[in-house]
């Protein structure tokens, strides 16, 4: 490719090709003065649907919203037109579900709220709403837990959308009126597609009419989806704002825990009583659990265990500009060493794995420190010594006993509170949690949030629920903390 390494329009250094297709080529470029990446979409003027490209450029150039890629400029030469826009790093929601399977209810709702906010912005832009008309999982990128809407080739104002002519859409997501030449398109056309996307995220399949939710689906979420996927527009939600408000209601239902990790920063440090205690296993599971509950977080490898690099090779994933990698629902920053300086990613919840380097875990600022002890009988002395040191540090702590035989007593050193001690169940895959491990992480998370009570609004109500949770867990077979097995 002769264009690679060329400089376009005196300021964009071409670095490589991001993708090619019938419409043209997308290049990765660096703005020489600003030292920022840009995506440059090049389309030949001879392209059959060149008018769609021009329309997309004109639509995007007027929009400014976090969930919509920024268009910085439109250029052209004798043969091509160029759209210079924000470079987005991420994967589509379609690829995410295809790779890891359907998402949890919490993540589906979280991404749905972001999508409805974007569509509400489009529908409220000026006196003539902009309809996207091609909402589908492939056109939604997940960039550091932020949903970005792309491909505005079919987008049109309300008036333009109803001009007679050929209509397009994506099978499975397009509303019934898009298949009819005399069908009137309006904001509720996009509402239908949002419902189809929610169904896809939650089940891994696209819905069909007449819509009948599966028995296993959460009744609240299936009711919302049903309110979108109606044959007649008049029976759907009237606006993206109304739909978004309903999703927010679902998001905030239940315990007071739904607000805490969204509004404040939280750093959790983990270290082991010895090498092989299972610190990384527990830390990865905690990260996966929190993300599945709708709490974006970053796992940081703070020692050279080789896990980060090994998982990268196994998954075949590429690092982004922050040095982060993603495997299924797990996002991590491998250990790069002290000499590597990278941009700090925009995350508020961090889980740091220090291996068996306890002093570093305590010396670097964290909100809560979790000690993972090897619960094997032959590691008892090491575990007791590590637990005693954790208490002496005078910082919020929790202790997880791993590899412990059910029924064997765990003796706690003087000063260690049993209410902060947990017996980890056996679960071989930290990326796929079972019911028992989810109960364990739910109790562990409740303890962590108790330590954050100084900055958590409404903690009194939450603590009542926490106490009930503890009481309930005392009756479970595996006993996360239990008087007759932890003493």
Protein backbone atom coordinates (compact mmCIF):
# COMPACT_ATOMS: atom_id res chain seq x y z
CA UNK A 1 0.00 0.00 0.00
CA UNK A 2 1.67 3.16 -1.20
CA UNK A 3 -0.45 5.29 1.09
CA UNK A 4 0.93 3.73 4.29
CA UNK A 5 3.29 6.23 6.00
CA UNK A 6 2.05 9.04 3.74
CA UNK A 7 0.88 12.35 5.18
CA UNK A 8 -2.61 13.45 4.16
CA UNK A 9 -3.59 17.10 3.99
CA UNK A 10 -0.33 18.12 5.63
CA UNK A 11 -1.21 16.84 9.11
CA UNK A 12 -2.40 13.20 9.19
CA UNK A 13 0.35 10.56 9.24
CA UNK A 14 -1.10 7.25 8.02
CA UNK A 15 -0.13 4.36 10.34
CA UNK A 16 -2.10 1.43 8.99
CA UNK A 17 -5.42 0.05 7.78
CA UNK A 18 -8.25 -0.53 10.25
CA UNK A 19 -10.62 -2.12 7.77
CA UNK A 20 -11.76 -2.39 4.17
CA UNK A 21 -15.13 -2.93 2.55
CA UNK A 22 -17.29 -2.23 -0.47
CA UNK A 23 -17.60 1.42 0.49
CA UNK A 24 -13.88 2.04 0.84
CA UNK A 25 -11.05 1.89 3.37
CA UNK A 26 -10.62 3.07 6.95
CA UNK A 27 -7.10 4.14 7.91
CA UNK A 28 -5.49 4.72 11.29
CA UNK A 29 -3.64 8.03 11.36
CA UNK A 30 -1.87 10.31 13.81
CA UNK A 31 -2.50 14.04 13.90
CA UNK A 32 1.09 15.31 13.72
CA UNK A 33 0.56 18.45 15.79
CA UNK A 34 -1.84 17.09 18.43
CA UNK A 35 -0.23 13.62 18.60
CA UNK A 36 -3.68 12.01 18.71
CA UNK A 37 -5.04 9.07 16.74
CA UNK A 38 -7.71 9.59 14.10
CA UNK A 39 -9.75 7.23 11.94
CA UNK A 40 -9.91 8.32 8.31
CA UNK A 41 -12.65 6.81 6.20
CA UNK A 42 -11.85 7.06 2.47
CA UNK A 43 -14.63 6.50 -0.07
CA UNK A 44 -14.26 6.80 -3.87
CA UNK A 45 -16.56 9.36 -5.47
CA UNK A 46 -17.53 6.66 -7.97
CA UNK A 47 -19.04 4.53 -5.19
CA UNK A 48 -22.67 3.67 -5.94
CA UNK A 49 -23.93 4.78 -2.52
CA UNK A 50 -21.59 7.74 -2.30
CA UNK A 51 -24.56 9.95 -1.34
CA UNK A 52 -25.00 7.89 1.85
CA UNK A 53 -21.40 8.56 2.81
CA UNK A 54 -21.85 12.29 2.27
CA UNK A 55 -25.06 12.26 4.30
CA UNK A 56 -23.35 10.42 7.16
CA UNK A 57 -20.58 13.02 7.19
CA UNK A 58 -23.03 15.91 7.27
CA UNK A 59 -25.11 14.32 10.06
CA UNK A 60 -22.14 13.51 12.27
CA UNK A 61 -20.43 16.86 11.80
CA UNK A 62 -23.27 18.59 13.65
CA UNK A 63 -23.46 16.16 16.58
CA UNK A 64 -21.55 16.37 19.85
CA UNK A 65 -22.34 13.65 22.37
CA UNK A 66 -20.09 11.21 24.34
CA UNK A 67 -21.72 8.18 22.74
CA UNK A 68 -21.30 9.45 19.17
CA UNK A 69 -17.90 9.54 17.40
CA UNK A 70 -16.61 13.05 16.77
CA UNK A 71 -16.18 14.11 13.14
CA UNK A 72 -13.29 16.56 12.98
CA UNK A 73 -13.22 17.28 9.28
CA UNK A 74 -14.34 16.32 5.78
CA UNK A 75 -11.74 16.47 2.99
CA UNK A 76 -11.61 15.45 -0.66
CA UNK A 77 -9.37 15.19 -3.69
CA UNK A 78 -10.13 14.41 -7.32
CA UNK A 79 -10.90 10.73 -6.69
CA UNK A 80 -11.87 10.32 -3.02
CA UNK A 81 -13.73 11.89 -0.15
CA UNK A 82 -12.31 11.56 3.37
CA UNK A 83 -14.11 11.58 6.69
CA UNK A 84 -11.74 12.34 9.58
CA UNK A 85 -13.25 11.19 12.85
CA UNK A 86 -12.49 10.07 16.38
CA UNK A 87 -10.55 6.82 16.61
CA UNK A 88 -12.54 4.34 18.69
CA UNK A 89 -10.95 1.35 20.40
CA UNK A 90 -13.35 -1.41 21.33
CA UNK A 91 -15.46 -4.25 20.03
CA UNK A 92 -19.04 -4.36 18.90
CA UNK A 93 -21.73 -5.66 21.20
CA UNK A 94 -22.45 -8.24 18.50
CA UNK A 95 -18.88 -9.60 18.69
CA UNK A 96 -18.92 -9.44 22.49
CA UNK A 97 -22.01 -11.66 22.75
CA UNK A 98 -20.82 -13.94 19.96
CA UNK A 99 -17.51 -14.46 21.76
CA UNK A 100 -18.60 -14.83 25.38
CA UNK A 101 -22.33 -15.56 25.24
CA UNK A 102 -25.28 -13.51 26.41
CA UNK A 103 -24.80 -10.81 29.05
CA UNK A 104 -26.17 -10.60 32.57
CA UNK A 105 -29.37 -8.71 33.29
CA UNK A 106 -27.38 -5.95 34.99
CA UNK A 107 -25.01 -5.39 32.06
CA UNK A 108 -27.88 -5.51 29.57
CA UNK A 109 -29.70 -2.80 31.49
CA UNK A 110 -26.53 -0.72 31.93
CA UNK A 111 -25.75 -0.72 28.21
CA UNK A 112 -29.44 -0.17 27.42
CA UNK A 113 -29.48 3.00 29.52
CA UNK A 114 -26.46 4.36 27.64
CA UNK A 115 -28.10 3.54 24.31
CA UNK A 116 -31.38 5.23 25.19
CA UNK A 117 -29.46 8.34 26.25
CA UNK A 118 -27.77 8.48 22.85
CA UNK A 119 -31.04 8.00 20.96
CA UNK A 120 -32.81 10.56 23.14
CA UNK A 121 -30.09 13.04 22.16
CA UNK A 122 -30.57 12.26 18.46
CA UNK A 123 -34.34 12.52 18.69
CA UNK A 124 -34.05 15.83 20.53
CA UNK A 125 -31.55 17.41 18.15
CA UNK A 126 -33.24 20.56 16.88
CA UNK A 127 -36.86 20.86 15.80
CA UNK A 128 -36.61 17.92 13.38
CA UNK A 129 -35.60 14.65 15.15
CA UNK A 130 -32.79 12.55 13.69
CA UNK A 131 -33.70 8.88 13.30
CA UNK A 132 -30.83 6.38 13.16
CA UNK A 133 -32.86 3.65 11.40
CA UNK A 134 -30.10 1.02 11.62
CA UNK A 135 -29.68 0.32 15.32
CA UNK A 136 -28.13 -3.11 15.69
CA UNK A 137 -25.44 -4.75 17.89
CA UNK A 138 -22.82 -4.45 15.13
CA UNK A 139 -23.24 -0.66 15.14
CA UNK A 140 -22.63 -0.36 18.89
CA UNK A 141 -19.02 -0.35 20.06
CA UNK A 142 -18.05 -0.92 23.68
CA UNK A 143 -15.13 1.41 24.36
CA UNK A 144 -13.91 1.15 27.97
CA UNK A 145 -17.45 0.36 29.14
CA UNK A 146 -18.90 3.30 27.20
CA UNK A 147 -21.33 2.46 24.41
CA UNK A 148 -20.60 4.29 21.14
CA UNK A 149 -23.06 4.41 18.25
CA UNK A 150 -21.53 4.22 14.78
CA UNK A 151 -22.59 3.97 11.12
CA UNK A 152 -24.99 6.81 10.44
CA UNK A 153 -25.35 5.91 6.76
CA UNK A 154 -29.13 5.43 7.08
CA UNK A 155 -29.71 8.24 9.57
CA UNK A 156 -32.17 10.89 8.44
CA UNK A 157 -34.33 13.64 9.80
CA UNK A 158 -37.96 12.77 10.46
CA UNK A 159 -39.03 14.50 7.24
CA UNK A 160 -36.34 12.91 5.07
CA UNK A 161 -36.99 9.43 6.47
CA UNK A 162 -40.54 9.47 5.08
CA UNK A 163 -39.69 10.58 1.56
CA UNK A 164 -40.82 7.79 -0.83
CA UNK A 165 -38.00 5.51 -1.98
CA UNK A 166 -36.11 2.34 -1.14
CA UNK A 167 -35.76 1.48 2.51
CA UNK A 168 -33.03 -0.38 4.33
CA UNK A 169 -32.55 -1.94 7.73
CA UNK A 170 -31.10 -4.96 9.52
CA UNK A 171 -33.18 -8.13 9.70
CA UNK A 172 -34.00 -8.91 13.31
CA UNK A 173 -33.72 -5.29 14.44
CA UNK A 174 -35.67 -3.29 11.87
CA UNK A 175 -39.21 -2.31 12.89
CA UNK A 176 -42.16 -3.68 10.85
CA UNK A 177 -42.90 -0.28 9.30
CA UNK A 178 -39.43 -0.26 7.69
CA UNK A 179 -40.51 -3.20 5.54
CA UNK A 180 -43.53 -1.32 4.18
CA UNK A 181 -43.17 1.40 1.57
CA UNK A 182 -46.16 3.23 3.01
CA UNK A 183 -45.09 2.76 6.64
CA UNK A 184 -44.59 5.98 8.58
CA UNK A 185 -41.24 6.13 10.36
CA UNK A 186 -40.78 8.09 13.58
CA UNK A 187 -38.94 7.92 16.92
CA UNK A 188 -40.72 4.69 17.82
CA UNK A 189 -39.04 3.00 14.86
CA UNK A 190 -35.74 3.30 16.72
CA UNK A 191 -37.48 2.21 19.95
CA UNK A 192 -38.31 -1.14 18.34
CA UNK A 193 -34.65 -1.66 17.44
CA UNK A 194 -33.55 -0.86 21.01
CA UNK A 195 -35.86 -3.61 22.27
CA UNK A 196 -34.38 -6.06 19.77
CA UNK A 197 -30.86 -5.13 20.91
CA UNK A 198 -31.76 -5.60 24.58
CA UNK A 199 -33.18 -9.03 23.77
CA UNK A 200 -30.03 -9.97 21.86
CA UNK A 201 -27.73 -8.87 24.68
CA UNK A 202 -29.74 -10.76 27.29
CA UNK A 203 -30.43 -13.97 25.35
CA UNK A 204 -27.92 -14.08 22.49
CA UNK A 205 -30.75 -14.25 19.92
CA UNK A 206 -32.91 -11.77 18.05
CA UNK A 207 -36.65 -11.66 18.84
CA UNK A 208 -39.52 -12.32 16.48
CA UNK A 209 -43.17 -11.22 16.31
CA UNK A 210 -45.45 -11.89 18.04
CA UNK A 211 -43.02 -11.47 20.91
CA UNK A 212 -43.10 -14.10 23.65
CA UNK A 213 -40.31 -13.88 26.25
CA UNK A 214 -38.64 -17.08 27.40
CA UNK A 215 -39.51 -18.39 30.84
CA UNK A 216 -35.99 -17.91 32.21
CA UNK A 217 -35.93 -14.18 31.45
CA UNK A 218 -36.16 -11.64 34.24
CA UNK A 219 -39.78 -10.47 34.30
CA UNK A 220 -38.91 -6.79 34.69
CA UNK A 221 -36.50 -6.74 31.75
CA UNK A 222 -38.72 -8.89 29.53
CA UNK A 223 -41.58 -6.48 30.23
CA UNK A 224 -39.45 -3.56 29.05
CA UNK A 225 -38.44 -5.43 25.89
CA UNK A 226 -42.07 -6.31 25.24
CA UNK A 227 -42.95 -2.62 25.49
CA UNK A 228 -40.52 -1.92 22.64
CA UNK A 229 -41.22 -4.84 20.32
CA UNK A 230 -44.79 -4.20 19.28
CA UNK A 231 -46.21 -4.57 15.79
CA UNK A 232 -48.04 -1.27 16.11
CA UNK A 233 -45.98 1.83 16.95
CA UNK A 234 -48.72 3.23 19.14
CA UNK A 235 -48.26 0.37 21.61
CA UNK A 236 -44.51 0.94 22.08
CA UNK A 237 -42.77 3.32 24.46
CA UNK A 238 -43.45 6.81 23.18
CA UNK A 239 -39.85 8.06 23.49
CA UNK A 240 -36.30 6.99 24.24
CA UNK A 241 -36.46 9.11 27.37
CA UNK A 242 -39.47 7.16 28.68
CA UNK A 243 -37.75 3.86 27.88
CA UNK A 244 -34.54 5.03 29.55
CA UNK A 245 -36.40 6.04 32.70
CA UNK A 246 -37.93 2.58 32.93
CA UNK A 247 -34.51 0.95 32.55
CA UNK A 248 -33.12 3.22 35.27
CA UNK A 249 -35.95 2.08 37.55
CA UNK A 250 -34.92 -1.54 36.96
CA UNK A 251 -31.28 -0.63 37.56
CA UNK A 252 -31.99 0.97 40.92
CA UNK A 253 -34.46 -1.63 42.19
CA UNK A 254 -33.49 -4.02 44.97
CA UNK A 255 -30.75 -3.27 47.45
CA UNK A 256 -29.15 0.11 47.99
CA UNK A 257 -26.01 -1.38 46.44
CA UNK A 258 -27.03 -0.22 42.96
CA UNK A 259 -25.72 3.33 43.48
CA UNK A 260 -22.50 2.90 45.39
CA UNK A 261 -19.81 1.85 42.96
CA UNK A 262 -21.13 4.12 40.21
CA UNK A 263 -20.64 7.38 42.10
CA UNK A 264 -17.34 6.86 43.90
CA UNK A 265 -13.87 5.52 43.29
CA UNK A 266 -12.79 2.26 44.88
CA UNK A 267 -9.41 0.51 44.95
CA UNK A 268 -9.20 -3.05 46.27
CA UNK A 269 -5.75 -4.54 46.84
CA UNK A 270 -5.25 -8.31 47.18
CA UNK A 271 -2.18 -10.25 48.33
CA UNK A 272 -1.56 -13.81 49.44
CA UNK A 273 -0.13 -15.34 52.59
CA UNK A 274 2.26 -17.20 50.31
CA UNK A 275 2.89 -17.93 46.66
CA UNK A 276 0.18 -20.27 45.38
CA UNK A 277 -2.49 -19.16 47.85
CA UNK A 278 -4.82 -18.39 44.94
CA UNK A 279 -4.73 -14.59 45.09
CA UNK A 280 -5.03 -14.13 41.33
CA UNK A 281 -7.89 -16.64 41.11
CA UNK A 282 -9.86 -14.80 43.81
CA UNK A 283 -9.07 -11.39 42.30
CA UNK A 284 -10.11 -12.38 38.78
CA UNK A 285 -13.37 -13.84 40.06
CA UNK A 286 -14.10 -10.64 42.00
CA UNK A 287 -13.51 -8.55 38.88
CA UNK A 288 -15.79 -10.77 36.78
CA UNK A 289 -18.50 -10.78 39.45
CA UNK A 290 -18.54 -6.99 39.79
CA UNK A 291 -18.66 -6.49 36.03
CA UNK A 292 -21.51 -8.98 35.70
CA UNK A 293 -23.39 -6.98 38.31
CA UNK A 294 -23.05 -3.85 36.18
CA UNK A 295 -19.98 -2.38 37.91
CA UNK A 296 -17.20 -1.68 35.36
CA UNK A 297 -13.75 -2.26 36.85
CA UNK A 298 -10.13 -2.83 35.93
CA UNK A 299 -7.92 -5.70 37.10
CA UNK A 300 -4.30 -4.58 37.48
CA UNK A 301 -1.49 -7.10 37.72
CA UNK A 302 0.99 -5.54 40.15
CA UNK A 303 3.61 -8.31 40.06
CA UNK A 304 5.19 -10.43 37.37
CA UNK A 305 3.10 -13.57 37.70
CA UNK A 306 2.86 -14.18 33.97
CA UNK A 307 -0.93 -14.45 34.12
CA UNK A 308 -1.54 -11.27 32.14
CA UNK A 309 0.85 -12.17 29.33
CA UNK A 310 -0.29 -15.81 29.28
CA UNK A 311 -3.96 -14.90 29.06
CA UNK A 312 -3.15 -12.41 26.30
CA UNK A 313 -1.46 -15.15 24.25
CA UNK A 314 -4.29 -17.60 24.94
CA UNK A 315 -7.07 -15.17 24.02
CA UNK A 316 -5.19 -13.63 21.09
CA UNK A 317 -6.27 -10.11 22.03
CA UNK A 318 -4.55 -6.80 21.35
CA UNK A 319 -3.67 -4.02 23.77
CA UNK A 320 -5.43 -0.69 23.50
CA UNK A 321 -3.88 2.76 23.95
CA UNK A 322 -4.00 2.34 27.76
CA UNK A 323 -2.27 -1.04 27.60
CA UNK A 324 -5.50 -2.83 28.56
CA UNK A 325 -6.76 -6.17 27.24
CA UNK A 326 -10.19 -7.79 27.26
CA UNK A 327 -11.19 -11.42 27.50
CA UNK A 328 -14.91 -12.14 27.70
CA UNK A 329 -16.17 -9.85 30.48
CA UNK A 330 -12.72 -9.43 32.04
CA UNK A 331 -10.60 -6.32 31.45
CA UNK A 332 -7.04 -6.33 32.73
CA UNK A 333 -3.76 -4.46 32.68
CA UNK A 334 -0.83 -6.89 32.65
CA UNK A 335 2.39 -6.19 34.52
CA UNK A 336 4.63 -4.01 32.34
CA UNK A 337 7.35 -3.18 34.84
CA UNK A 338 8.25 0.07 36.51
CA UNK A 339 9.83 1.65 33.41
CA UNK A 340 6.69 1.57 31.24
CA UNK A 341 4.52 4.69 31.44
CA UNK A 342 1.00 4.51 30.00
CA UNK A 343 -2.01 6.81 29.99
CA UNK A 344 -4.27 6.26 32.98
CA UNK A 345 -7.56 4.67 31.84
CA UNK A 346 -10.90 6.27 32.80
CA UNK A 347 -12.02 3.77 35.44
CA UNK A 348 -13.20 4.30 39.01
CA UNK A 349 -13.07 0.74 40.37
CA UNK A 350 -9.69 -1.00 40.41
CA UNK A 351 -8.73 -4.46 41.63
CA UNK A 352 -4.97 -4.78 42.18
CA UNK A 353 -3.27 -8.17 42.44
CA UNK A 354 0.03 -7.97 44.40
CA UNK A 355 0.70 -11.70 44.53
CA UNK A 356 2.48 -12.44 47.81
CA UNK A 357 3.93 -8.91 48.12
CA UNK A 358 1.97 -7.82 51.18
CA UNK A 359 4.12 -4.81 52.07
CA UNK A 360 3.51 -3.26 48.66
CA UNK A 361 -0.21 -3.88 48.99
CA UNK A 362 -0.29 -1.92 52.24
CA UNK A 363 2.16 0.81 51.22
CA UNK A 364 0.30 1.81 48.04
CA UNK A 365 -2.97 3.64 48.63
CA UNK A 366 -6.04 1.37 48.64
CA UNK A 367 -9.50 1.57 50.17
CA UNK A 368 -9.62 -2.07 51.24
CA UNK A 369 -6.91 -4.75 51.44
CA UNK A 370 -7.92 -8.39 51.04
CA UNK A 371 -5.59 -11.10 52.30
CA UNK A 372 -5.93 -14.49 50.61
CA UNK A 373 -4.72 -17.21 52.98
CA UNK A 374 -3.91 -20.78 52.04
CA UNK A 375 -6.34 -22.68 54.24
CA UNK A 376 -4.43 -25.95 54.02
CA UNK A 377 -3.40 -27.40 57.41
CA UNK A 378 0.31 -27.29 56.46
CA UNK A 379 0.03 -23.54 55.75
CA UNK A 380 -1.65 -22.67 59.04
CA UNK A 381 1.33 -20.87 60.62
CA UNK A 382 1.98 -18.72 57.52
CA UNK A 383 -1.72 -17.82 57.32
CA UNK A 384 -1.91 -16.85 60.99
CA UNK A 385 1.20 -14.69 60.71
CA UNK A 386 -0.11 -12.91 57.61
CA UNK A 387 -3.51 -12.33 59.26
CA UNK A 388 -1.87 -10.84 62.36
CA UNK A 389 0.17 -8.44 60.21
CA UNK A 390 -2.96 -7.38 58.30
CA UNK A 391 -4.70 -6.41 61.53
CA UNK A 392 -1.67 -4.51 62.83
CA UNK A 393 -1.57 -2.29 59.74
CA UNK A 394 -4.75 -0.57 60.90
CA UNK A 395 -6.34 -0.33 57.43
CA UNK A 396 -9.68 -1.78 56.29
CA UNK A 397 -9.13 -5.46 55.59
CA UNK A 398 -10.84 -8.72 54.74
CA UNK A 399 -9.43 -12.25 54.86
CA UNK A 400 -10.32 -15.02 52.42
CA UNK A 401 -9.38 -18.59 53.29
CA UNK A 402 -8.77 -20.55 50.12
CA UNK A 403 -8.12 -24.30 49.68
CA UNK A 404 -9.69 -24.96 53.09
CA UNK A 405 -11.32 -28.34 53.68
CA UNK A 406 -15.01 -27.98 54.52
CA UNK A 407 -15.55 -28.81 58.17
CA UNK A 408 -11.94 -28.16 59.25
CA UNK A 409 -11.64 -25.42 61.82
CA UNK A 410 -9.80 -22.22 60.96
CA UNK A 411 -8.21 -20.63 64.01
CA UNK A 412 -7.95 -16.86 63.85
CA UNK A 413 -5.14 -14.97 65.58
CA UNK A 414 -6.00 -12.56 68.35
CA UNK A 415 -7.61 -9.35 67.10
CA UNK A 416 -8.89 -10.78 63.80
CA UNK A 417 -12.64 -10.28 63.42
CA UNK A 418 -14.57 -13.33 62.24
CA UNK A 419 -17.04 -11.03 60.46
CA UNK A 420 -14.26 -10.06 58.05
CA UNK A 421 -13.24 -13.63 57.27
CA UNK A 422 -14.58 -15.72 54.39
CA UNK A 423 -14.16 -19.31 53.31
CA UNK A 424 -13.85 -19.44 49.51
CA UNK A 425 -15.82 -22.23 47.79
CA UNK A 426 -14.28 -24.38 45.09
CA UNK A 427 -14.82 -23.06 41.56
CA UNK A 428 -12.27 -24.02 38.89
CA UNK A 429 -13.07 -21.28 36.35
CA UNK A 430 -12.97 -17.70 37.71
CA UNK A 431 -14.38 -16.40 34.39
CA UNK A 432 -17.58 -18.45 34.74
CA UNK A 433 -18.97 -18.21 38.25
CA UNK A 434 -21.44 -20.71 39.65
CA UNK A 435 -24.17 -19.98 42.21
CA UNK A 436 -21.97 -20.84 45.17
CA UNK A 437 -19.12 -18.59 44.05
CA UNK A 438 -21.57 -15.77 43.29
CA UNK A 439 -22.91 -16.01 46.86
CA UNK A 440 -19.34 -15.85 48.13
CA UNK A 441 -18.53 -12.74 46.09
CA UNK A 442 -21.80 -11.12 47.06
CA UNK A 443 -20.90 -11.44 50.75
CA UNK A 444 -17.32 -10.30 50.08
CA UNK A 445 -18.56 -7.26 48.15
CA UNK A 446 -20.94 -6.37 50.96
CA UNK A 447 -18.04 -6.33 53.43
CA UNK A 448 -15.94 -4.19 51.06
CA UNK A 449 -18.75 -1.67 50.69
CA UNK A 450 -19.18 -1.56 54.46
CA UNK A 451 -15.61 -0.32 54.68
CA UNK A 452 -16.50 2.43 52.18
CA UNK A 453 -19.39 3.69 54.25
CA UNK A 454 -17.80 7.09 54.88
CA UNK A 455 -18.41 8.09 51.27
CA UNK A 456 -21.48 6.02 50.43
CA UNK A 457 -24.85 7.78 50.58
CA UNK A 458 -27.71 5.86 52.21
CA UNK A 459 -25.36 3.45 53.98
CA UNK A 460 -27.73 3.01 56.95
CA UNK A 461 -30.33 1.32 54.77
CA UNK A 462 -27.63 -0.73 53.09
CA UNK A 463 -26.17 -1.93 56.40
CA UNK A 464 -29.55 -3.31 57.46
CA UNK A 465 -29.50 -5.39 54.29
CA UNK A 466 -25.87 -6.35 54.94
CA UNK A 467 -26.71 -7.66 58.41
CA UNK A 468 -29.58 -9.71 56.99
CA UNK A 469 -27.22 -11.03 54.31
CA UNK A 470 -24.69 -12.12 56.93
CA UNK A 471 -27.41 -13.82 58.98
CA UNK A 472 -28.65 -15.69 55.92
CA UNK A 473 -25.16 -16.83 54.92
CA UNK A 474 -24.50 -18.21 58.41
CA UNK A 475 -27.13 -20.83 57.63
CA UNK A 476 -25.59 -21.92 54.29
CA UNK A 477 -23.67 -25.17 53.99
CA UNK A 478 -20.38 -23.69 52.93
CA UNK A 479 -20.41 -21.09 55.75
CA UNK A 480 -18.34 -18.10 54.56
CA UNK A 481 -17.74 -17.29 58.23
CA UNK A 482 -18.99 -19.62 60.90
CA UNK A 483 -18.42 -19.90 64.62
CA UNK A 484 -17.79 -23.63 64.60
CA UNK A 485 -15.35 -23.57 61.69
CA UNK A 486 -13.69 -20.20 62.26
CA UNK A 487 -12.56 -19.52 65.79
